[in-house]
N, C-alpha and C. Protein backbone atom coordinates (compact mmCIF):
# COMPACT_ATOMS: atom_id res chain seq x y z
N MET A 1 -29.72 -10.78 2.17
CA MET A 1 -30.26 -10.38 0.87
C MET A 1 -29.11 -10.04 -0.08
N THR A 2 -29.22 -10.50 -1.27
CA THR A 2 -28.19 -10.31 -2.27
C THR A 2 -28.31 -8.89 -2.88
N LYS A 3 -27.18 -8.25 -3.07
CA LYS A 3 -27.16 -6.98 -3.73
C LYS A 3 -27.47 -7.16 -5.21
N SER A 4 -28.40 -6.34 -5.74
CA SER A 4 -28.75 -6.42 -7.15
C SER A 4 -28.16 -5.25 -7.89
N ILE A 5 -27.42 -5.54 -8.97
CA ILE A 5 -26.72 -4.51 -9.73
C ILE A 5 -27.23 -4.56 -11.18
N LYS A 6 -27.85 -3.46 -11.62
CA LYS A 6 -28.37 -3.39 -12.99
C LYS A 6 -27.31 -2.70 -13.84
N VAL A 7 -26.92 -3.39 -14.95
CA VAL A 7 -25.90 -2.82 -15.84
C VAL A 7 -26.33 -2.98 -17.27
N VAL A 8 -25.70 -2.17 -18.14
CA VAL A 8 -25.95 -2.24 -19.57
C VAL A 8 -24.65 -2.40 -20.28
N GLY A 9 -24.71 -3.06 -21.47
CA GLY A 9 -23.49 -3.26 -22.27
C GLY A 9 -23.84 -3.03 -23.73
N ALA A 10 -22.82 -2.65 -24.53
CA ALA A 10 -23.01 -2.38 -25.93
C ALA A 10 -22.18 -3.30 -26.79
N ALA A 11 -22.84 -4.03 -27.70
CA ALA A 11 -22.14 -4.76 -28.75
C ALA A 11 -22.02 -3.78 -29.91
N ILE A 12 -20.92 -3.06 -29.92
CA ILE A 12 -20.73 -2.00 -30.94
C ILE A 12 -20.25 -2.66 -32.23
N ILE A 13 -20.98 -2.39 -33.30
CA ILE A 13 -20.70 -3.02 -34.58
C ILE A 13 -20.06 -2.00 -35.52
N ARG A 14 -18.96 -2.42 -36.18
CA ARG A 14 -18.32 -1.59 -37.21
C ARG A 14 -17.72 -2.51 -38.24
N GLU A 15 -18.09 -2.33 -39.49
CA GLU A 15 -17.54 -3.11 -40.61
C GLU A 15 -17.62 -4.61 -40.35
N GLY A 16 -18.74 -5.06 -39.82
CA GLY A 16 -18.96 -6.49 -39.62
C GLY A 16 -18.26 -7.07 -38.41
N LYS A 17 -17.65 -6.23 -37.58
CA LYS A 17 -16.97 -6.68 -36.39
C LYS A 17 -17.56 -6.06 -35.17
N ILE A 18 -17.34 -6.68 -33.97
CA ILE A 18 -17.91 -6.23 -32.73
C ILE A 18 -16.79 -5.88 -31.76
N LEU A 19 -16.95 -4.77 -31.04
CA LEU A 19 -15.96 -4.32 -30.07
C LEU A 19 -16.09 -5.14 -28.80
N CYS A 20 -14.97 -5.74 -28.40
CA CYS A 20 -14.90 -6.52 -27.16
C CYS A 20 -13.88 -5.79 -26.25
N ALA A 21 -14.20 -5.59 -24.97
CA ALA A 21 -13.33 -4.85 -24.08
C ALA A 21 -12.85 -5.77 -22.95
N GLN A 22 -11.58 -5.68 -22.59
CA GLN A 22 -11.04 -6.48 -21.51
C GLN A 22 -10.97 -5.66 -20.22
N ARG A 23 -11.57 -6.20 -19.17
CA ARG A 23 -11.56 -5.51 -17.88
C ARG A 23 -10.12 -5.42 -17.37
N SER A 24 -9.77 -4.29 -16.80
CA SER A 24 -8.39 -4.11 -16.32
C SER A 24 -8.19 -4.86 -15.00
N PRO A 25 -6.92 -5.11 -14.64
CA PRO A 25 -6.64 -5.90 -13.43
C PRO A 25 -7.20 -5.32 -12.14
N HIS A 26 -7.47 -3.99 -12.08
CA HIS A 26 -7.97 -3.41 -10.82
C HIS A 26 -9.49 -3.35 -10.78
N MET A 27 -10.19 -3.81 -11.79
CA MET A 27 -11.66 -3.84 -11.79
C MET A 27 -12.13 -5.16 -11.17
N THR A 28 -13.41 -5.21 -10.73
CA THR A 28 -13.98 -6.52 -10.34
C THR A 28 -13.99 -7.38 -11.56
N LEU A 29 -13.90 -8.67 -11.42
CA LEU A 29 -13.79 -9.60 -12.55
C LEU A 29 -12.64 -9.21 -13.46
N PRO A 30 -11.40 -9.10 -12.87
CA PRO A 30 -10.28 -8.63 -13.66
C PRO A 30 -9.96 -9.54 -14.83
N ASN A 31 -9.57 -8.93 -15.93
CA ASN A 31 -9.12 -9.57 -17.17
C ASN A 31 -10.16 -10.31 -17.97
N PHE A 32 -11.40 -10.38 -17.47
CA PHE A 32 -12.48 -10.96 -18.28
C PHE A 32 -12.84 -9.98 -19.39
N TRP A 33 -13.38 -10.53 -20.46
CA TRP A 33 -13.83 -9.69 -21.55
C TRP A 33 -15.33 -9.40 -21.41
N GLU A 34 -15.78 -8.26 -21.91
CA GLU A 34 -17.16 -7.84 -21.75
C GLU A 34 -17.54 -6.92 -22.91
N PHE A 35 -18.85 -6.73 -23.01
CA PHE A 35 -19.36 -5.67 -23.89
C PHE A 35 -19.30 -4.39 -23.02
N PRO A 36 -18.62 -3.36 -23.53
CA PRO A 36 -18.45 -2.15 -22.67
C PRO A 36 -19.76 -1.53 -22.28
N GLY A 37 -19.79 -0.94 -21.11
CA GLY A 37 -20.97 -0.33 -20.57
C GLY A 37 -20.78 -0.09 -19.09
N GLY A 38 -21.87 -0.16 -18.32
CA GLY A 38 -21.73 0.06 -16.86
C GLY A 38 -23.04 0.09 -16.17
N LYS A 39 -22.98 0.58 -14.90
CA LYS A 39 -24.13 0.58 -14.03
C LYS A 39 -25.18 1.62 -14.45
N ILE A 40 -26.43 1.23 -14.28
CA ILE A 40 -27.55 2.15 -14.47
C ILE A 40 -27.77 2.88 -13.15
N GLU A 41 -27.73 4.20 -13.21
CA GLU A 41 -27.94 5.00 -12.01
C GLU A 41 -29.43 5.10 -11.71
N GLU A 42 -29.75 5.46 -10.46
CA GLU A 42 -31.14 5.55 -10.02
C GLU A 42 -31.94 6.53 -10.93
N LYS A 43 -33.10 6.11 -11.33
CA LYS A 43 -34.02 6.88 -12.20
C LYS A 43 -33.44 7.16 -13.57
N GLU A 44 -32.44 6.36 -14.02
CA GLU A 44 -31.84 6.54 -15.35
C GLU A 44 -32.39 5.46 -16.26
N GLU A 45 -32.72 5.83 -17.48
CA GLU A 45 -33.14 4.84 -18.48
C GLU A 45 -31.92 4.03 -18.93
N PRO A 46 -32.12 2.71 -19.22
CA PRO A 46 -30.95 1.88 -19.65
C PRO A 46 -30.22 2.46 -20.86
N GLU A 47 -30.92 2.95 -21.86
CA GLU A 47 -30.27 3.47 -23.06
C GLU A 47 -29.46 4.69 -22.69
N ALA A 48 -29.98 5.60 -21.82
CA ALA A 48 -29.24 6.80 -21.45
C ALA A 48 -27.99 6.41 -20.66
N ALA A 49 -28.12 5.40 -19.80
CA ALA A 49 -26.96 4.89 -19.05
C ALA A 49 -25.87 4.41 -19.98
N LEU A 50 -26.26 3.65 -21.01
CA LEU A 50 -25.30 3.09 -21.92
C LEU A 50 -24.55 4.17 -22.69
N ILE A 51 -25.27 5.16 -23.16
CA ILE A 51 -24.64 6.28 -23.88
C ILE A 51 -23.68 7.01 -22.95
N ARG A 52 -24.11 7.28 -21.71
CA ARG A 52 -23.25 7.96 -20.72
C ARG A 52 -22.00 7.15 -20.41
N GLU A 53 -22.19 5.85 -20.14
CA GLU A 53 -21.06 4.99 -19.78
C GLU A 53 -20.00 4.89 -20.91
N LEU A 54 -20.46 4.76 -22.12
CA LEU A 54 -19.49 4.67 -23.24
C LEU A 54 -18.72 5.97 -23.39
N LYS A 55 -19.35 7.08 -23.12
CA LYS A 55 -18.66 8.38 -23.18
C LYS A 55 -17.61 8.43 -22.05
N GLU A 56 -17.99 7.96 -20.84
CA GLU A 56 -17.07 8.00 -19.69
C GLU A 56 -15.91 7.00 -19.84
N GLU A 57 -16.21 5.78 -20.32
CA GLU A 57 -15.17 4.71 -20.32
C GLU A 57 -14.29 4.76 -21.58
N MET A 58 -14.83 5.25 -22.71
CA MET A 58 -14.08 5.14 -23.96
C MET A 58 -14.10 6.44 -24.76
N ASN A 59 -14.66 7.51 -24.19
CA ASN A 59 -14.81 8.76 -24.90
C ASN A 59 -15.44 8.53 -26.29
N ALA A 60 -16.44 7.66 -26.30
CA ALA A 60 -17.09 7.26 -27.53
C ALA A 60 -18.55 7.67 -27.57
N ASP A 61 -19.00 8.10 -28.72
CA ASP A 61 -20.42 8.40 -28.95
C ASP A 61 -21.01 7.23 -29.73
N ILE A 62 -22.17 6.74 -29.29
CA ILE A 62 -22.83 5.60 -29.95
C ILE A 62 -24.27 5.93 -30.25
N LYS A 63 -24.80 5.14 -31.19
CA LYS A 63 -26.23 5.17 -31.48
C LYS A 63 -26.73 3.75 -31.22
N ILE A 64 -27.69 3.65 -30.30
CA ILE A 64 -28.24 2.32 -29.97
C ILE A 64 -29.15 1.84 -31.10
N ILE A 65 -28.96 0.58 -31.51
CA ILE A 65 -29.76 -0.01 -32.58
C ILE A 65 -30.89 -0.85 -32.07
N ASP A 66 -30.56 -1.84 -31.22
CA ASP A 66 -31.57 -2.81 -30.82
C ASP A 66 -31.15 -3.51 -29.52
N ARG A 67 -32.13 -3.97 -28.76
CA ARG A 67 -31.84 -4.73 -27.51
C ARG A 67 -31.64 -6.20 -27.90
N ILE A 68 -30.57 -6.80 -27.41
CA ILE A 68 -30.29 -8.22 -27.68
C ILE A 68 -30.92 -9.08 -26.63
N ASN A 69 -30.58 -8.86 -25.35
CA ASN A 69 -31.15 -9.67 -24.30
C ASN A 69 -30.87 -9.06 -22.93
N THR A 70 -31.50 -9.63 -21.93
CA THR A 70 -31.24 -9.29 -20.54
C THR A 70 -31.02 -10.63 -19.81
N THR A 71 -29.90 -10.71 -19.08
CA THR A 71 -29.60 -11.92 -18.30
C THR A 71 -29.15 -11.52 -16.90
N THR A 72 -29.23 -12.48 -15.99
CA THR A 72 -28.70 -12.27 -14.65
C THR A 72 -27.70 -13.32 -14.33
N TYR A 73 -26.76 -12.98 -13.45
CA TYR A 73 -25.77 -13.93 -12.99
C TYR A 73 -25.45 -13.60 -11.53
N ASP A 74 -25.41 -14.65 -10.70
CA ASP A 74 -25.09 -14.47 -9.29
C ASP A 74 -23.58 -14.62 -9.06
N TYR A 75 -22.95 -13.48 -8.75
CA TYR A 75 -21.55 -13.46 -8.37
C TYR A 75 -21.46 -13.44 -6.85
N ASP A 76 -20.23 -13.59 -6.33
CA ASP A 76 -20.10 -13.56 -4.87
C ASP A 76 -20.37 -12.17 -4.29
N PHE A 77 -20.27 -11.10 -5.11
CA PHE A 77 -20.49 -9.74 -4.63
C PHE A 77 -21.93 -9.25 -4.89
N GLY A 78 -22.75 -10.07 -5.55
CA GLY A 78 -24.12 -9.67 -5.82
C GLY A 78 -24.64 -10.25 -7.12
N THR A 79 -25.90 -9.97 -7.41
CA THR A 79 -26.51 -10.46 -8.65
C THR A 79 -26.49 -9.35 -9.67
N VAL A 80 -25.88 -9.61 -10.80
CA VAL A 80 -25.78 -8.65 -11.87
C VAL A 80 -26.87 -8.93 -12.92
N GLU A 81 -27.64 -7.92 -13.27
CA GLU A 81 -28.60 -8.01 -14.35
C GLU A 81 -28.06 -7.15 -15.49
N LEU A 82 -27.72 -7.81 -16.58
CA LEU A 82 -27.11 -7.17 -17.75
C LEU A 82 -28.08 -7.14 -18.92
N THR A 83 -28.29 -5.94 -19.49
CA THR A 83 -29.03 -5.80 -20.73
C THR A 83 -28.01 -5.34 -21.79
N VAL A 84 -27.93 -6.13 -22.86
CA VAL A 84 -26.99 -5.82 -23.95
C VAL A 84 -27.75 -5.33 -25.19
N TYR A 85 -27.21 -4.29 -25.77
CA TYR A 85 -27.79 -3.67 -26.98
C TYR A 85 -26.74 -3.70 -28.09
N THR A 86 -27.22 -3.82 -29.34
CA THR A 86 -26.33 -3.55 -30.45
C THR A 86 -26.30 -2.04 -30.64
N ALA A 87 -25.15 -1.56 -31.06
CA ALA A 87 -24.96 -0.10 -31.21
C ALA A 87 -23.99 0.16 -32.35
N GLU A 88 -24.09 1.37 -32.85
CA GLU A 88 -23.20 1.85 -33.93
C GLU A 88 -22.28 2.89 -33.31
N LEU A 89 -20.99 2.81 -33.64
CA LEU A 89 -20.02 3.78 -33.14
C LEU A 89 -20.11 5.02 -34.02
N LEU A 90 -20.39 6.18 -33.41
CA LEU A 90 -20.47 7.43 -34.14
C LEU A 90 -19.12 8.13 -34.12
N SER A 91 -18.29 7.89 -33.07
CA SER A 91 -16.97 8.47 -32.99
C SER A 91 -16.03 7.81 -34.02
N LYS A 92 -14.99 8.50 -34.41
CA LYS A 92 -14.00 7.90 -35.34
C LYS A 92 -13.20 6.85 -34.62
N GLU A 93 -12.90 7.05 -33.32
CA GLU A 93 -12.09 6.08 -32.60
C GLU A 93 -12.53 6.06 -31.14
N ILE A 94 -11.97 5.07 -30.40
CA ILE A 94 -12.27 4.94 -28.99
C ILE A 94 -10.97 5.16 -28.23
N THR A 95 -11.11 5.60 -26.97
CA THR A 95 -9.96 5.75 -26.07
C THR A 95 -10.25 4.90 -24.84
N LEU A 96 -9.37 3.96 -24.54
CA LEU A 96 -9.62 3.08 -23.39
C LEU A 96 -9.24 3.83 -22.10
N LEU A 97 -10.23 4.28 -21.35
CA LEU A 97 -10.00 5.01 -20.11
C LEU A 97 -10.06 4.09 -18.90
N GLU A 98 -10.73 2.94 -19.00
CA GLU A 98 -10.87 2.02 -17.88
C GLU A 98 -10.41 0.60 -18.22
N HIS A 99 -10.56 0.18 -19.46
CA HIS A 99 -10.21 -1.19 -19.84
C HIS A 99 -8.74 -1.31 -20.20
N SER A 100 -8.23 -2.54 -20.10
CA SER A 100 -6.81 -2.75 -20.44
C SER A 100 -6.57 -3.09 -21.89
N ASP A 101 -7.61 -3.56 -22.57
CA ASP A 101 -7.45 -3.95 -23.99
C ASP A 101 -8.81 -3.93 -24.68
N ALA A 102 -8.80 -3.86 -25.99
CA ALA A 102 -10.01 -3.94 -26.78
C ALA A 102 -9.68 -4.61 -28.13
N LYS A 103 -10.64 -5.34 -28.64
CA LYS A 103 -10.43 -6.03 -29.94
C LYS A 103 -11.72 -5.92 -30.75
N TRP A 104 -11.57 -5.82 -32.04
CA TRP A 104 -12.72 -5.90 -32.95
C TRP A 104 -12.68 -7.31 -33.52
N LEU A 105 -13.75 -8.10 -33.23
CA LEU A 105 -13.82 -9.46 -33.69
C LEU A 105 -15.13 -9.73 -34.46
N SER A 106 -15.04 -10.67 -35.38
CA SER A 106 -16.25 -11.08 -36.10
C SER A 106 -17.14 -11.89 -35.13
N PRO A 107 -18.45 -12.00 -35.38
CA PRO A 107 -19.30 -12.76 -34.48
C PRO A 107 -18.78 -14.18 -34.20
N LYS A 108 -18.24 -14.83 -35.23
CA LYS A 108 -17.76 -16.22 -35.03
C LYS A 108 -16.50 -16.31 -34.16
N GLU A 109 -15.74 -15.19 -34.04
CA GLU A 109 -14.53 -15.17 -33.25
C GLU A 109 -14.79 -14.86 -31.74
N LEU A 110 -15.98 -14.42 -31.41
CA LEU A 110 -16.28 -13.99 -30.06
C LEU A 110 -15.99 -15.04 -29.01
N LYS A 111 -16.31 -16.31 -29.34
CA LYS A 111 -16.15 -17.39 -28.34
C LYS A 111 -14.69 -17.70 -28.04
N SER A 112 -13.74 -17.08 -28.73
CA SER A 112 -12.31 -17.32 -28.50
C SER A 112 -11.83 -16.57 -27.24
N LEU A 113 -12.64 -15.66 -26.68
CA LEU A 113 -12.22 -14.88 -25.51
C LEU A 113 -12.84 -15.48 -24.23
N GLU A 114 -12.22 -15.11 -23.11
CA GLU A 114 -12.80 -15.54 -21.79
C GLU A 114 -13.72 -14.41 -21.29
N TRP A 115 -15.00 -14.62 -21.48
CA TRP A 115 -16.01 -13.60 -21.18
C TRP A 115 -16.43 -13.65 -19.74
N ALA A 116 -16.84 -12.48 -19.21
CA ALA A 116 -17.48 -12.43 -17.87
C ALA A 116 -18.75 -13.28 -17.97
N PRO A 117 -19.06 -14.09 -16.96
CA PRO A 117 -20.18 -15.02 -17.07
C PRO A 117 -21.51 -14.37 -17.46
N VAL A 118 -21.81 -13.18 -16.97
CA VAL A 118 -23.10 -12.55 -17.31
C VAL A 118 -23.18 -12.18 -18.81
N ASP A 119 -22.04 -12.01 -19.47
CA ASP A 119 -22.03 -11.63 -20.90
C ASP A 119 -22.22 -12.85 -21.82
N ILE A 120 -22.00 -14.06 -21.33
CA ILE A 120 -21.97 -15.24 -22.18
C ILE A 120 -23.28 -15.48 -22.95
N PRO A 121 -24.47 -15.32 -22.36
CA PRO A 121 -25.68 -15.53 -23.17
C PRO A 121 -25.77 -14.56 -24.38
N ALA A 122 -25.33 -13.31 -24.19
CA ALA A 122 -25.36 -12.36 -25.29
C ALA A 122 -24.31 -12.76 -26.34
N VAL A 123 -23.15 -13.22 -25.89
CA VAL A 123 -22.10 -13.70 -26.79
C VAL A 123 -22.66 -14.81 -27.71
N LYS A 124 -23.37 -15.75 -27.09
CA LYS A 124 -23.95 -16.88 -27.84
C LYS A 124 -24.94 -16.37 -28.91
N LYS A 125 -25.76 -15.39 -28.52
CA LYS A 125 -26.73 -14.84 -29.49
C LYS A 125 -26.01 -14.08 -30.61
N ILE A 126 -25.08 -13.23 -30.25
CA ILE A 126 -24.40 -12.40 -31.24
C ILE A 126 -23.53 -13.25 -32.19
N SER A 127 -22.94 -14.33 -31.65
CA SER A 127 -22.06 -15.16 -32.47
C SER A 127 -22.76 -15.77 -33.67
N THR A 128 -24.08 -15.81 -33.64
CA THR A 128 -24.81 -16.37 -34.76
C THR A 128 -25.29 -15.32 -35.76
N LEU A 129 -25.07 -14.05 -35.46
CA LEU A 129 -25.57 -12.97 -36.35
C LEU A 129 -24.72 -12.87 -37.60
N GLU A 130 -25.39 -12.46 -38.66
CA GLU A 130 -24.69 -12.15 -39.91
C GLU A 130 -24.63 -10.62 -39.98
N LEU A 131 -23.46 -10.06 -39.80
CA LEU A 131 -23.32 -8.59 -39.78
C LEU A 131 -22.83 -8.07 -41.11
N LYS A 132 -23.22 -6.84 -41.41
CA LYS A 132 -22.76 -6.20 -42.67
C LYS A 132 -21.58 -5.34 -42.37
């Protein structure tokens, strides 16, 4: 039986750009880009998990705007189910506590990065958005 891992990610929007985070070399899927977030704990709501994870990973406070999509991807370590939300950054800045790099890119620039496979459907959806 395959291990099922439920995770959440945030497409944080600021000034028409989206925050992209690069996984560090010691994480699973090293050096791939992702929407920051993490695992949903038992009996935790996805939105609460996302707010908690962003605080833990980037010392960032966010406000969730909308759900973009939920996708699954079968990795060799298990099946990941990712739900991505658009969010607004409430903090003035972020601090990378787990990721090796971060970039603010316009929706059209997103496809220039090497994304973790489970994030790609959300990247495709977001890359067509017109952001303010």
